[in-house]
Amino acid sequence: MAQSKNEGIKDASNYLRGTLLEGLADTSTGALSKDDQQLTKFHGIYQQDDRDLRKERRLAKLEPAYSFMIRVRVPGGVATSAQWLEMDRLAQTYANDALKLTTRQAFQFHGVIKTELKKTIYEINQSLLDTVAACGDVNRNVMCNPNPYQSKVHEAAQDLATAISNHLTPRTGAYHEIWLDDGSGEKVKVTYDPPILGEPEEGEEPIYGKHYLPRKFKIVVAVPPSNDVDIYAHDLGYIAILDDVGENIVGYNVTVGGGMGMSHGKEETFPRLADVMGFCTPEQALAVSEAVVKVQRDNGNREDRANARLKYTIERMGLDGFREECEKLLGFKLEEPRPFEFEHNGDRYGWVEDHRGHSHFTLFVENGRVLDTDQYPLMTGLREIAKVHQGDFRLTANQNLIIANIAPEAKAGITALLEKYSMIDAHERTALRLNSMACVALPTCGLALAESQRYLPDLITELDEVIEECGLRHDAITIRMTGCPNGCARPYLAEIGFVGRKPNTYNVYLGAGFAGDRLSKLYRKSVNTADIKDLLRPVITDYAKNRNEGERFGDFVIRAGYVMATEEGRDFHKDFIDPEEAAVSA
């Protein structure tokens, strides 16, 4: 079989340069060429258009309202107050007056037009953040448990996340040449302190080679008992194993082969939970990341992109075979995994104090959308806090925000601002809403089949009526929605998941593990939005009346027979009985 088209684009790109400079200079269109659109992903950029305006512009014989989404890498999700203020300014200046906190601890800008692209990315880099490798067939933003209540442990985990991010950053000079050229004619060379990008190098990429990876690659670091980074959803993961007193990391269990994406109607595609491959010491962790990436580079499917993620490579090679190839490159064998336990994959809201007496405030940010409304000036409030905050901001994997490392003498001032801008009680919602997450979807995502972040809050308002009636206001149930089956908001690890099929129509999934350690199962196919509340009311009511003590919703729906448990990704599509088909058969 011939290699996929994207492989040819990478081959001809001269290490991700393509014709991007020429395309950016072409003012006759707001778009880039199709090949360059693939290359911009490696630079952290997606071309999009406003789908709400497509019909209107087509009737007016205008090209679509093209704009670009820019994703900013934030290793481990930690940003300074100065960086927060700069992201705020850029959102107001070049984007759509909103800042998006993603499900992978990154910032996103939406609505940046082509003529402002270069200026925006240049200014992002001036803040000592960057967009390189935020998308594309490379390792993307490395996630890390924010973990404010274990600061010493978090520091070590954060250091690993940053080290891996630096080590696996592409070394091509294309990013610097295209986006950081200051017009002087001199070759751009950027050095950061601490280093964020490696020095640009010519010739073949030392880790990725000429063709980079077959598909995207995602890495996370988790610190039990919190699995807020959803470690089983990612290609490579590190589970911190602590010493007996819980103050130091003695090593990491290494997980491989997780991934959420699939395609409707193609059972050969499926979400998959990562496997625990072995244990490594902190000193070995960086070498392990390079070895895993290289084995995927050399063995991943470059013919069919729908089957190119690491999860499918491991399905073909087997975990033992994949581990053996990694150990050949490492020159040592991984140890047996150490015991660990996850309890949840959500965030803990409100105030937490650490061992130093510093405070951390976790703020609920619905679907990660930081913007001002007449009722809730969230963006303004966070701007005012950033102006005086001497600590840092930590983006969580659940699209929320931690105002972190607040010194004792500064807490009163931060509290006053939280109260002034109505943020102090932002988490006074039902536990269902506090454990919700949605992808961007319409109107900008070109892959979206249905709404997500614009619709989920309204759906939760409907379901909250049932939740309140059943006395479940404070009972956490994870609920997630995506506009397509690619799974950016990790819906297949939600106890209640919605995946768009077409406008106002979703597949409904139930039964994932509360700690993100079991996949869900399809419960009903193609449910109209008008019918979702009535579909779920009896299930939620049954749970409220008949659950065992401490039993989670995902566990209950399996015990009660609503869905079968999905223990392996390859079984994701099995055991679904379509009620309509069953009725016809009967």
Protein backbone atom coordinates (compact mmCIF):
# COMPACT_ATOMS: atom_id res chain seq x y z
CA MET A 1 0.00 0.00 0.00
CA ALA A 2 1.24 3.50 -0.82
CA GLN A 3 2.11 5.84 2.01
CA SER A 4 -0.46 8.42 3.06
CA LYS A 5 -0.48 11.84 1.39
CA ASN A 6 0.79 13.49 4.57
CA GLU A 7 4.01 11.47 4.36
CA GLY A 8 4.70 12.98 0.94
CA ILE A 9 3.98 16.48 2.26
CA LYS A 10 6.48 16.00 5.07
CA ASP A 11 9.05 14.53 2.69
CA ALA A 12 8.88 17.54 0.36
CA SER A 13 8.65 20.15 3.12
CA ASN A 14 12.37 20.76 3.72
CA TYR A 15 11.86 20.07 7.41
CA LEU A 16 8.50 21.82 7.83
CA ARG A 17 9.23 24.90 5.72
CA GLY A 18 7.11 24.10 2.68
CA THR A 19 5.90 27.26 0.96
CA LEU A 20 4.69 28.88 4.18
CA LEU A 21 6.60 32.12 3.68
CA GLU A 22 5.14 32.54 0.20
CA GLY A 23 1.65 31.68 1.43
CA LEU A 24 1.80 34.19 4.25
CA ALA A 25 2.83 36.89 1.77
CA ASP A 26 -0.14 36.17 -0.54
CA THR A 27 -2.81 38.74 0.38
CA SER A 28 -5.25 37.62 -2.32
CA THR A 29 -6.74 35.03 0.03
CA GLY A 30 -7.17 34.52 3.75
CA ALA A 31 -6.16 30.88 3.39
CA LEU A 32 -3.00 28.84 2.92
CA SER A 33 -2.48 26.00 0.45
CA LYS A 34 -3.70 22.55 1.48
CA ASP A 35 -0.18 21.19 1.87
CA ASP A 36 0.91 24.15 3.96
CA GLN A 37 -2.16 23.73 6.15
CA GLN A 38 -0.75 20.35 7.15
CA LEU A 39 2.66 21.86 7.88
CA THR A 40 1.29 24.71 9.99
CA LYS A 41 0.08 22.12 12.49
CA PHE A 42 3.72 21.39 13.37
CA HIS A 43 4.01 25.10 14.15
CA GLY A 44 0.94 25.02 16.43
CA ILE A 45 -1.58 26.41 13.94
CA TYR A 46 -4.83 25.14 12.39
CA GLN A 47 -6.59 26.89 9.54
CA GLN A 48 -10.33 27.18 10.21
CA ASP A 49 -13.30 29.17 9.05
CA ASP A 50 -16.49 30.41 10.70
CA ARG A 51 -19.03 27.74 9.78
CA ASP A 52 -21.87 29.90 11.02
CA LEU A 53 -21.09 32.25 8.11
CA ARG A 54 -20.43 29.68 5.37
CA LYS A 55 -23.83 29.83 3.68
CA GLU A 56 -24.05 33.62 3.85
CA ARG A 57 -20.60 34.06 2.34
CA ARG A 58 -21.20 31.44 -0.33
CA LEU A 59 -24.37 33.24 -1.45
CA ALA A 60 -22.40 36.49 -1.56
CA LYS A 61 -19.75 34.69 -3.67
CA LEU A 62 -17.08 35.32 -1.05
CA GLU A 63 -14.50 32.83 0.16
CA PRO A 64 -15.13 31.37 3.64
CA ALA A 65 -14.32 33.56 6.64
CA TYR A 66 -10.89 32.03 7.14
CA SER A 67 -9.01 32.45 10.38
CA PHE A 68 -6.50 30.44 12.38
CA MET A 69 -6.40 28.72 15.72
CA ILE A 70 -3.06 29.07 17.50
CA ARG A 71 -2.14 26.65 20.29
CA VAL A 72 0.49 27.70 22.82
CA ARG A 73 2.57 25.02 24.50
CA VAL A 74 2.64 25.26 28.29
CA PRO A 75 4.62 22.24 29.57
CA GLY A 76 2.88 20.95 32.68
CA GLY A 77 0.39 23.80 32.41
CA VAL A 78 2.47 26.25 34.49
CA ALA A 79 2.60 29.92 33.41
CA THR A 80 3.81 33.05 35.16
CA SER A 81 1.55 36.01 35.91
CA ALA A 82 3.41 38.00 33.24
CA GLN A 83 2.70 35.26 30.70
CA TRP A 84 -0.97 35.19 31.67
CA LEU A 85 -1.20 38.94 31.10
CA GLU A 86 0.46 38.58 27.72
CA MET A 87 -1.93 35.79 26.67
CA ASP A 88 -4.80 38.03 27.76
CA ARG A 89 -3.43 40.93 25.70
CA LEU A 90 -2.94 38.81 22.61
CA ALA A 91 -6.48 37.45 22.88
CA GLN A 92 -7.82 41.00 23.00
CA THR A 93 -5.54 42.25 20.21
CA TYR A 94 -5.49 39.49 17.62
CA ALA A 95 -8.04 36.83 18.55
CA ASN A 96 -11.74 36.79 19.42
CA ASP A 97 -11.49 38.45 22.86
CA ALA A 98 -11.43 35.07 24.58
CA LEU A 99 -8.75 32.73 25.87
CA LYS A 100 -9.28 28.98 25.68
CA LEU A 101 -7.80 26.65 28.31
CA THR A 102 -7.53 23.30 26.59
CA THR A 103 -8.00 19.73 27.80
CA ARG A 104 -4.21 19.32 27.53
CA GLN A 105 -3.09 22.27 29.67
CA ALA A 106 -2.41 24.65 26.79
CA PHE A 107 -3.68 28.07 25.72
CA GLN A 108 -5.59 28.48 22.46
CA PHE A 109 -6.41 31.59 20.46
CA HIS A 110 -9.23 31.48 17.93
CA GLY A 111 -10.04 33.87 15.12
CA VAL A 112 -6.53 35.09 14.24
CA ILE A 113 -6.46 36.23 10.59
CA LYS A 114 -3.61 35.36 8.26
CA THR A 115 -2.14 38.85 8.11
CA GLU A 116 -1.76 38.81 11.93
CA LEU A 117 -0.39 35.29 12.26
CA LYS A 118 3.29 36.08 12.19
CA LYS A 119 2.98 39.03 14.54
CA THR A 120 0.94 36.99 17.03
CA ILE A 121 3.39 34.08 17.14
CA TYR A 122 6.37 36.42 17.39
CA GLU A 123 4.79 38.10 20.41
CA ILE A 124 3.94 34.74 21.99
CA ASN A 125 7.63 33.88 21.80
CA GLN A 126 8.55 37.21 23.37
CA SER A 127 6.67 36.01 26.47
CA LEU A 128 8.97 32.93 26.61
CA LEU A 129 6.21 30.60 25.51
CA ASP A 130 5.99 29.08 22.03
CA THR A 131 3.72 27.23 19.61
CA VAL A 132 6.23 24.87 18.02
CA ALA A 133 5.05 21.24 18.03
CA ALA A 134 1.78 22.16 19.72
CA CYS A 135 0.13 20.16 16.91
CA GLY A 136 1.36 17.89 14.10
CA ASP A 137 3.01 14.48 13.89
CA VAL A 138 5.35 15.07 16.84
CA ASN A 139 5.22 15.03 20.60
CA ARG A 140 2.81 17.74 21.71
CA ASN A 141 2.36 19.67 24.96
CA VAL A 142 3.51 17.49 27.86
CA MET A 143 0.93 17.40 30.63
CA CYS A 144 1.54 17.16 34.36
CA ASN A 145 -0.63 16.87 37.46
CA PRO A 146 -0.83 20.43 38.94
CA ASN A 147 -0.95 18.82 42.39
CA PRO A 148 -0.87 21.95 44.60
CA TYR A 149 -1.26 19.95 47.80
CA GLN A 150 2.01 18.06 47.20
CA SER A 151 4.26 20.87 46.04
CA LYS A 152 7.57 19.08 46.53
CA VAL A 153 6.42 16.09 44.52
CA HIS A 154 4.81 18.31 41.91
CA GLU A 155 8.08 20.17 41.42
CA ALA A 156 9.86 16.94 40.47
CA ALA A 157 6.99 15.84 38.19
CA GLN A 158 6.90 19.29 36.57
CA ASP A 159 10.67 19.16 36.01
CA LEU A 160 10.25 15.85 34.17
CA ALA A 161 7.42 17.23 32.02
CA THR A 162 9.56 20.23 31.05
CA ALA A 163 12.65 18.09 30.37
CA ILE A 164 10.69 15.75 28.09
CA SER A 165 9.11 18.70 26.29
CA ASN A 166 12.54 20.23 25.65
CA HIS A 167 14.13 16.95 24.63
CA LEU A 168 11.45 16.02 22.10
CA THR A 169 11.03 19.45 20.53
CA PRO A 170 11.84 19.32 16.78
CA ARG A 171 15.24 20.84 16.03
CA THR A 172 14.47 22.21 12.57
CA GLY A 173 15.18 25.91 12.13
CA ALA A 174 11.92 26.34 10.18
CA TYR A 175 9.99 27.70 13.14
CA HIS A 176 12.56 30.40 13.83
CA GLU A 177 12.97 31.35 10.19
CA ILE A 178 9.24 31.66 9.45
CA TRP A 179 7.81 33.14 12.64
CA LEU A 180 10.66 34.83 14.51
CA ASP A 181 12.33 36.73 11.67
CA ASP A 182 12.67 40.32 12.83
CA GLY A 183 13.31 41.66 9.34
CA SER A 184 17.03 42.28 9.84
CA GLY A 185 18.07 39.63 7.39
CA GLU A 186 20.12 37.86 10.03
CA LYS A 187 19.51 34.18 10.70
CA VAL A 188 17.38 33.95 13.80
CA LYS A 189 18.88 32.18 16.77
CA VAL A 190 16.89 32.13 19.97
CA THR A 191 18.20 31.11 23.38
CA TYR A 192 15.85 30.96 26.35
CA ASP A 193 16.72 30.90 30.03
CA PRO A 194 15.62 28.38 31.10
CA PRO A 195 15.76 26.73 27.66
CA ILE A 196 12.36 26.11 26.09
CA LEU A 197 13.41 25.45 22.52
CA GLY A 198 16.50 23.58 21.49
CA GLU A 199 19.02 25.33 19.27
CA PRO A 200 17.87 25.18 15.62
CA GLU A 201 19.82 22.58 13.70
CA GLU A 202 20.19 21.85 10.01
CA GLY A 203 19.99 18.41 8.49
CA GLU A 204 18.00 15.43 9.67
CA GLU A 205 16.08 15.62 12.93
CA PRO A 206 18.09 13.65 15.54
CA ILE A 207 15.00 11.99 17.03
CA TYR A 208 12.26 12.32 14.42
CA GLY A 209 14.20 11.85 11.18
CA LYS A 210 13.00 13.35 7.92
CA HIS A 211 9.39 12.19 8.16
CA TYR A 212 8.68 12.82 11.85
CA LEU A 213 6.09 10.49 13.43
CA PRO A 214 3.24 8.69 11.65
CA ARG A 215 0.71 10.63 13.76
CA LYS A 216 0.45 12.89 16.79
CA PHE A 217 2.01 11.83 20.09
CA LYS A 218 0.92 12.78 23.60
CA ILE A 219 2.74 12.43 26.93
CA VAL A 220 1.56 12.98 30.52
CA VAL A 221 2.91 12.74 34.06
CA ALA A 222 0.50 11.69 36.82
CA VAL A 223 0.86 11.72 40.61
CA PRO A 224 -1.49 9.27 42.39
CA PRO A 225 -4.06 9.32 43.82
CA SER A 226 -5.07 11.95 41.23
CA ASN A 227 -5.45 10.88 37.61
CA ASP A 228 -6.56 14.33 36.46
CA VAL A 229 -4.32 14.07 33.38
CA ASP A 230 -6.21 10.92 32.27
CA ILE A 231 -2.99 8.98 31.87
CA TYR A 232 -4.64 6.01 30.16
CA ALA A 233 -5.79 8.24 27.29
CA HIS A 234 -2.25 9.06 26.11
CA ASP A 235 0.51 7.52 24.04
CA LEU A 236 3.09 7.65 26.82
CA GLY A 237 2.60 8.23 30.52
CA TYR A 238 4.59 8.36 33.73
CA ILE A 239 2.90 7.41 37.02
CA ALA A 240 4.92 8.82 39.91
CA ILE A 241 5.75 6.26 42.58
CA LEU A 242 6.43 7.89 45.93
CA ASP A 243 8.56 6.81 48.86
CA ASP A 244 6.98 5.50 52.07
CA VAL A 245 6.40 8.98 53.48
CA GLY A 246 5.05 10.36 50.20
CA GLU A 247 7.58 13.17 49.89
CA ASN A 248 9.85 12.02 47.06
CA ILE A 249 9.44 10.30 43.70
CA VAL A 250 11.48 7.09 43.59
CA GLY A 251 10.57 6.32 40.00
CA TYR A 252 7.76 6.02 37.46
CA ASN A 253 5.52 3.31 36.13
CA VAL A 254 5.58 3.78 32.34
CA THR A 255 2.34 3.48 30.37
CA VAL A 256 2.07 3.20 26.59
CA GLY A 257 -0.62 2.93 23.93
CA GLY A 258 -3.52 5.07 25.06
CA GLY A 259 -5.60 7.16 22.67
CA MET A 260 -9.14 8.45 22.27
CA GLY A 261 -9.76 8.96 18.56
CA MET A 262 -11.94 6.76 16.37
CA SER A 263 -14.19 7.12 13.33
CA HIS A 264 -17.95 6.55 13.19
CA GLY A 265 -18.81 3.33 11.37
CA LYS A 266 -15.22 2.02 11.30
CA GLU A 267 -14.83 -0.67 13.93
CA GLU A 268 -11.15 -1.05 13.14
CA THR A 269 -10.73 2.30 14.90
CA PHE A 270 -11.37 2.54 18.62
CA PRO A 271 -10.30 4.33 21.80
CA ARG A 272 -7.80 2.40 23.84
CA LEU A 273 -6.50 2.46 27.40
CA ALA A 274 -2.74 2.59 27.84
CA ASP A 275 -0.92 -0.47 29.19
CA VAL A 276 1.53 -0.33 32.09
CA MET A 277 4.81 -1.38 30.42
CA GLY A 278 7.25 -1.27 33.34
CA PHE A 279 9.04 0.87 35.91
CA CYS A 280 11.98 3.23 35.45
CA THR A 281 14.01 5.44 37.78
CA PRO A 282 13.81 9.24 37.53
CA GLU A 283 17.25 9.23 35.88
CA GLN A 284 16.02 6.83 33.17
CA ALA A 285 12.73 8.60 32.40
CA LEU A 286 14.03 10.92 29.68
CA ALA A 287 15.76 8.10 27.80
CA VAL A 288 12.53 6.08 27.98
CA SER A 289 10.60 8.88 26.27
CA GLU A 290 13.09 8.98 23.38
CA ALA A 291 13.07 5.20 22.99
CA VAL A 292 9.27 4.97 22.89
CA VAL A 293 9.09 7.77 20.32
CA LYS A 294 11.73 6.12 18.12
CA VAL A 295 10.04 2.71 18.19
CA GLN A 296 6.77 4.35 17.17
CA ARG A 297 8.63 6.34 14.49
CA ASP A 298 9.99 3.15 12.95
CA ASN A 299 6.98 0.86 13.42
CA GLY A 300 3.89 3.09 13.19
CA ASN A 301 1.55 2.80 10.20
CA ARG A 302 2.49 5.39 7.58
CA GLU A 303 0.01 4.05 5.04
CA ASP A 304 -3.27 4.61 6.88
CA ARG A 305 -3.43 7.64 9.18
CA ALA A 306 -6.61 6.32 10.80
CA ASN A 307 -4.53 3.41 12.06
CA ALA A 308 -1.26 5.24 12.74
CA ARG A 309 -1.36 6.10 16.45
CA LEU A 310 0.84 4.23 18.92
CA LYS A 311 -2.19 2.36 20.27
CA TYR A 312 -2.53 0.48 16.98
CA THR A 313 1.23 -0.15 16.80
CA ILE A 314 1.03 -1.89 20.17
CA GLU A 315 -2.06 -3.81 19.11
CA ARG A 316 -0.01 -5.19 16.18
CA MET A 317 3.31 -5.72 17.98
CA GLY A 318 1.94 -6.74 21.35
CA LEU A 319 3.07 -5.08 24.56
CA ASP A 320 5.94 -7.54 25.11
CA GLY A 321 7.23 -7.03 21.58
CA PHE A 322 7.04 -3.26 21.90
CA ARG A 323 8.84 -3.32 25.27
CA GLU A 324 11.62 -5.46 23.80
CA GLU A 325 12.22 -2.95 21.00
CA CYS A 326 12.35 -0.10 23.52
CA GLU A 327 14.79 -1.98 25.74
CA LYS A 328 17.09 -2.63 22.77
CA LEU A 329 17.43 1.13 22.31
CA LEU A 330 17.70 1.80 26.04
CA GLY A 331 20.38 -0.79 26.73
CA PHE A 332 18.62 -1.84 29.95
CA LYS A 333 15.43 -3.61 30.96
CA LEU A 334 12.54 -1.90 32.62
CA GLU A 335 11.67 -3.15 36.09
CA GLU A 336 8.33 -4.62 37.08
CA PRO A 337 5.61 -2.00 37.71
CA ARG A 338 5.17 -0.82 41.30
CA PRO A 339 1.79 -0.72 43.11
CA PHE A 340 -0.29 2.46 42.80
CA GLU A 341 -3.91 3.54 43.04
CA PHE A 342 -5.93 6.28 41.39
CA GLU A 343 -9.06 7.62 43.10
CA HIS A 344 -10.43 10.20 40.66
CA ASN A 345 -9.70 12.17 37.49
CA GLY A 346 -11.29 15.48 38.46
CA ASP A 347 -10.09 18.71 40.06
CA ARG A 348 -10.43 19.79 43.69
CA TYR A 349 -11.97 23.26 43.87
CA GLY A 350 -11.48 26.17 46.21
CA TRP A 351 -8.65 26.79 48.66
CA VAL A 352 -5.84 24.36 49.48
CA GLU A 353 -2.85 25.13 51.70
CA ASP A 354 0.50 23.39 51.23
CA HIS A 355 3.22 22.43 53.69
CA ARG A 356 4.91 25.86 53.35
CA GLY A 357 1.76 27.74 54.27
CA HIS A 358 1.21 28.92 50.70
CA SER A 359 -2.34 28.82 49.33
CA HIS A 360 -3.72 27.66 46.00
CA PHE A 361 -7.17 28.44 44.63
CA THR A 362 -8.68 26.13 42.00
CA LEU A 363 -11.20 28.03 39.90
CA PHE A 364 -13.94 26.34 37.87
CA VAL A 365 -13.78 27.60 34.26
CA GLU A 366 -16.66 26.09 32.32
CA ASN A 367 -15.27 24.35 29.23
CA GLY A 368 -12.07 26.37 29.64
CA ARG A 369 -13.57 29.54 28.15
CA VAL A 370 -12.00 32.67 29.68
CA LEU A 371 -14.05 35.66 28.51
CA ASP A 372 -16.16 38.47 29.90
CA THR A 373 -19.95 38.49 29.91
CA ASP A 374 -22.34 41.04 31.36
CA GLN A 375 -23.03 38.64 34.23
CA TYR A 376 -19.51 37.33 34.81
CA PRO A 377 -16.38 39.42 34.03
CA LEU A 378 -14.05 36.43 34.35
CA MET A 379 -11.35 37.63 31.98
CA THR A 380 -11.15 41.05 33.62
CA GLY A 381 -11.02 39.51 37.09
CA LEU A 382 -8.16 37.18 36.21
CA ARG A 383 -6.33 40.08 34.56
CA GLU A 384 -6.56 42.11 37.76
CA ILE A 385 -5.31 39.16 39.81
CA ALA A 386 -2.40 38.59 37.41
CA LYS A 387 -1.31 42.21 37.86
CA VAL A 388 -0.60 41.64 41.56
CA HIS A 389 -0.10 37.87 41.86
CA GLN A 390 3.49 36.88 42.70
CA GLY A 391 2.92 33.15 42.29
CA ASP A 392 1.94 31.31 39.11
CA PHE A 393 -1.07 30.10 37.15
CA ARG A 394 -1.57 26.38 36.54
CA LEU A 395 -3.85 25.12 33.80
CA THR A 396 -5.50 21.82 34.68
CA ALA A 397 -6.26 18.95 32.32
CA ASN A 398 -9.95 19.50 33.07
CA GLN A 399 -9.89 23.01 31.57
CA ASN A 400 -9.81 24.74 34.95
CA LEU A 401 -7.31 27.13 36.50
CA ILE A 402 -5.26 27.13 39.69
CA ILE A 403 -4.11 30.48 41.03
CA ALA A 404 -1.10 28.94 42.72
CA ASN A 405 1.61 29.73 45.25
CA ILE A 406 -0.12 32.60 47.01
CA ALA A 407 2.02 33.75 49.92
CA PRO A 408 0.25 34.14 53.30
CA GLU A 409 0.55 37.92 53.21
CA ALA A 410 -0.98 38.06 49.71
CA LYS A 411 -4.00 35.81 50.30
CA ALA A 412 -6.32 38.56 51.59
CA GLY A 413 -5.72 40.70 48.50
CA ILE A 414 -6.30 37.80 46.09
CA THR A 415 -9.42 36.79 48.02
CA ALA A 416 -10.79 40.32 47.73
CA LEU A 417 -10.35 40.23 43.94
CA LEU A 418 -11.95 36.79 43.72
CA GLU A 419 -14.95 38.18 45.58
CA LYS A 420 -15.10 41.42 43.59
CA TYR A 421 -15.29 39.57 40.28
CA SER A 422 -17.65 36.79 41.49
CA MET A 423 -15.02 34.06 41.22
CA ILE A 424 -14.84 33.05 44.88
CA ASP A 425 -17.95 30.87 44.59
CA ALA A 426 -17.58 29.81 40.94
CA HIS A 427 -17.48 26.19 42.10
CA GLU A 428 -20.83 26.41 43.91
CA ARG A 429 -22.47 24.32 41.18
CA THR A 430 -23.72 20.78 40.95
CA ALA A 431 -20.95 18.19 41.01
CA LEU A 432 -22.16 17.11 37.57
CA ARG A 433 -21.28 20.52 36.10
CA LEU A 434 -18.00 20.69 38.01
CA ASN A 435 -16.96 17.39 36.41
CA SER A 436 -17.91 18.40 32.87
CA MET A 437 -15.71 19.04 29.85
CA ALA A 438 -16.29 19.91 26.19
CA CYS A 439 -14.21 20.44 23.07
CA VAL A 440 -14.50 23.62 20.97
CA ALA A 441 -16.45 22.11 18.04
CA LEU A 442 -18.65 24.57 16.12
CA PRO A 443 -18.35 27.12 14.69
CA THR A 444 -14.60 26.91 14.04
CA CYS A 445 -13.50 23.26 14.13
CA GLY A 446 -13.62 21.82 10.64
CA LEU A 447 -14.14 18.28 11.96
CA ALA A 448 -17.15 19.02 14.16
CA LEU A 449 -20.40 17.25 13.28
CA ALA A 450 -22.37 18.81 16.14
CA GLU A 451 -22.13 21.44 18.87
CA SER A 452 -20.13 20.88 22.02
CA GLN A 453 -18.90 23.78 24.21
CA ARG A 454 -21.82 25.99 23.13
CA TYR A 455 -24.37 23.27 23.96
CA LEU A 456 -23.10 21.25 26.93
CA PRO A 457 -23.78 23.97 29.55
CA ASP A 458 -27.43 24.11 28.48
CA LEU A 459 -27.73 20.33 28.52
CA ILE A 460 -26.28 20.19 32.03
CA THR A 461 -28.83 22.78 33.12
CA GLU A 462 -31.55 20.38 31.92
CA LEU A 463 -29.93 17.38 33.59
CA ASP A 464 -29.39 19.36 36.79
CA GLU A 465 -33.15 19.32 37.28
CA VAL A 466 -32.99 15.53 37.46
CA ILE A 467 -29.85 15.64 39.60
CA GLU A 468 -31.53 17.96 42.14
CA GLU A 469 -34.73 15.90 42.19
CA CYS A 470 -32.67 12.80 42.98
CA GLY A 471 -30.60 14.45 45.70
CA LEU A 472 -27.35 14.07 43.77
CA ARG A 473 -26.19 17.69 43.81
CA HIS A 474 -22.91 16.86 45.52
CA ASP A 475 -22.33 13.47 43.87
CA ALA A 476 -19.61 13.70 41.23
CA ILE A 477 -20.42 12.16 37.85
CA THR A 478 -18.03 12.83 34.99
CA ILE A 479 -19.80 14.12 31.87
CA ARG A 480 -18.04 15.08 28.64
CA MET A 481 -19.01 16.04 25.11
CA THR A 482 -17.25 16.26 21.75
CA GLY A 483 -18.57 17.42 18.41
CA CYS A 484 -16.97 14.49 16.57
CA PRO A 485 -15.51 11.06 17.41
CA ASN A 486 -11.88 12.24 17.59
CA GLY A 487 -12.32 12.55 21.34
CA CYS A 488 -10.48 15.78 22.21
CA ALA A 489 -12.42 16.11 25.49
CA ARG A 490 -11.84 12.40 26.24
CA PRO A 491 -15.56 11.45 26.23
CA TYR A 492 -14.83 7.72 26.23
CA LEU A 493 -13.40 8.10 29.75
CA ALA A 494 -16.53 9.86 31.03
CA GLU A 495 -19.24 8.14 33.02
CA ILE A 496 -21.66 9.95 30.69
CA GLY A 497 -20.25 10.79 27.27
CA PHE A 498 -21.73 12.47 24.20
CA VAL A 499 -20.17 12.28 20.75
CA GLY A 500 -21.63 14.25 17.86
CA ARG A 501 -22.95 12.42 14.79
CA LYS A 502 -24.73 15.28 13.03
CA PRO A 503 -26.38 18.58 14.05
CA ASN A 504 -28.40 18.13 17.27
CA THR A 505 -27.63 14.39 17.32
CA TYR A 506 -25.24 12.46 19.56
CA ASN A 507 -24.18 8.96 20.44
CA VAL A 508 -24.55 8.49 24.21
CA TYR A 509 -21.94 6.46 26.10
CA LEU A 510 -22.07 5.21 29.69
CA GLY A 511 -19.95 3.23 32.10
CA ALA A 512 -16.40 4.60 32.15
CA GLY A 513 -14.44 4.42 35.40
CA PHE A 514 -14.59 7.42 37.73
CA ALA A 515 -10.79 7.35 37.99
CA GLY A 516 -10.38 7.25 34.21
CA ASP A 517 -9.36 3.59 34.26
CA ARG A 518 -12.15 2.01 32.19
CA LEU A 519 -13.65 2.90 28.81
CA SER A 520 -17.33 3.61 28.32
CA LYS A 521 -19.76 1.70 26.11
CA LEU A 522 -22.30 2.94 23.57
CA TYR A 523 -25.72 3.12 25.26
CA ARG A 524 -27.85 4.76 22.56
CA LYS A 525 -27.00 5.72 19.00
CA SER A 526 -28.07 8.97 17.30
CA VAL A 527 -30.08 10.60 20.10
CA ASN A 528 -31.67 13.97 19.35
CA THR A 529 -30.94 16.75 21.82
CA ALA A 530 -34.65 17.00 22.65
CA ASP A 531 -34.61 13.40 23.90
CA ILE A 532 -31.42 13.28 25.99
CA LYS A 533 -32.97 14.34 29.29
CA ASP A 534 -35.78 11.78 29.05
CA LEU A 535 -33.29 9.10 28.02
CA LEU A 536 -31.07 9.64 31.05
CA ARG A 537 -33.71 10.47 33.68
CA PRO A 538 -34.59 6.83 34.52
CA VAL A 539 -30.91 5.82 34.63
CA ILE A 540 -30.00 8.65 37.01
CA THR A 541 -33.08 7.99 39.13
CA ASP A 542 -32.25 4.29 39.34
CA TYR A 543 -28.72 5.16 40.42
CA ALA A 544 -29.98 7.48 43.18
CA LYS A 545 -32.36 4.83 44.53
CA ASN A 546 -30.42 1.61 44.11
CA ARG A 547 -26.69 2.30 44.25
CA ASN A 548 -24.53 0.63 46.82
CA GLU A 549 -22.75 2.75 49.40
CA GLY A 550 -19.90 4.59 47.70
CA GLU A 551 -20.74 3.13 44.30
CA ARG A 552 -19.86 5.38 41.37
CA PHE A 553 -22.28 6.04 38.52
CA GLY A 554 -20.06 4.32 35.93
CA ASP A 555 -19.83 1.18 38.06
CA PHE A 556 -23.57 1.18 38.78
CA VAL A 557 -24.72 1.30 35.14
CA ILE A 558 -22.61 -1.79 34.47
CA ARG A 559 -23.87 -3.67 37.53
CA ALA A 560 -27.44 -2.69 36.70
CA GLY A 561 -27.08 -3.96 33.13
CA TYR A 562 -27.44 -0.72 31.18
CA VAL A 563 -24.14 -1.38 29.39
CA MET A 564 -21.38 -3.97 29.38
CA ALA A 565 -17.96 -3.11 30.77
CA THR A 566 -15.27 -2.23 28.22
CA GLU A 567 -11.97 -3.55 29.51
CA GLU A 568 -10.07 -3.54 26.19
CA GLY A 569 -10.19 -1.00 23.40
CA ARG A 570 -10.65 -3.70 20.78
CA ASP A 571 -13.95 -4.58 22.52
CA PHE A 572 -15.23 -0.99 22.45
CA HIS A 573 -17.75 -1.65 19.68
CA LYS A 574 -18.89 -5.05 20.99
CA ASP A 575 -21.95 -5.86 23.10
CA PHE A 576 -24.02 -2.89 21.94
CA ILE A 577 -27.65 -3.77 21.33
CA ASP A 578 -29.52 -1.18 19.30
CA PRO A 579 -33.08 -0.99 20.72
CA GLU A 580 -34.58 -0.25 17.31
CA GLU A 581 -32.79 -3.16 15.65
CA ALA A 582 -33.77 -5.44 18.55
CA ALA A 583 -37.42 -4.40 18.20
CA VAL A 584 -37.38 -5.17 14.48
CA SER A 585 -35.79 -8.57 15.10
CA ALA A 586 -38.41 -9.38 17.75
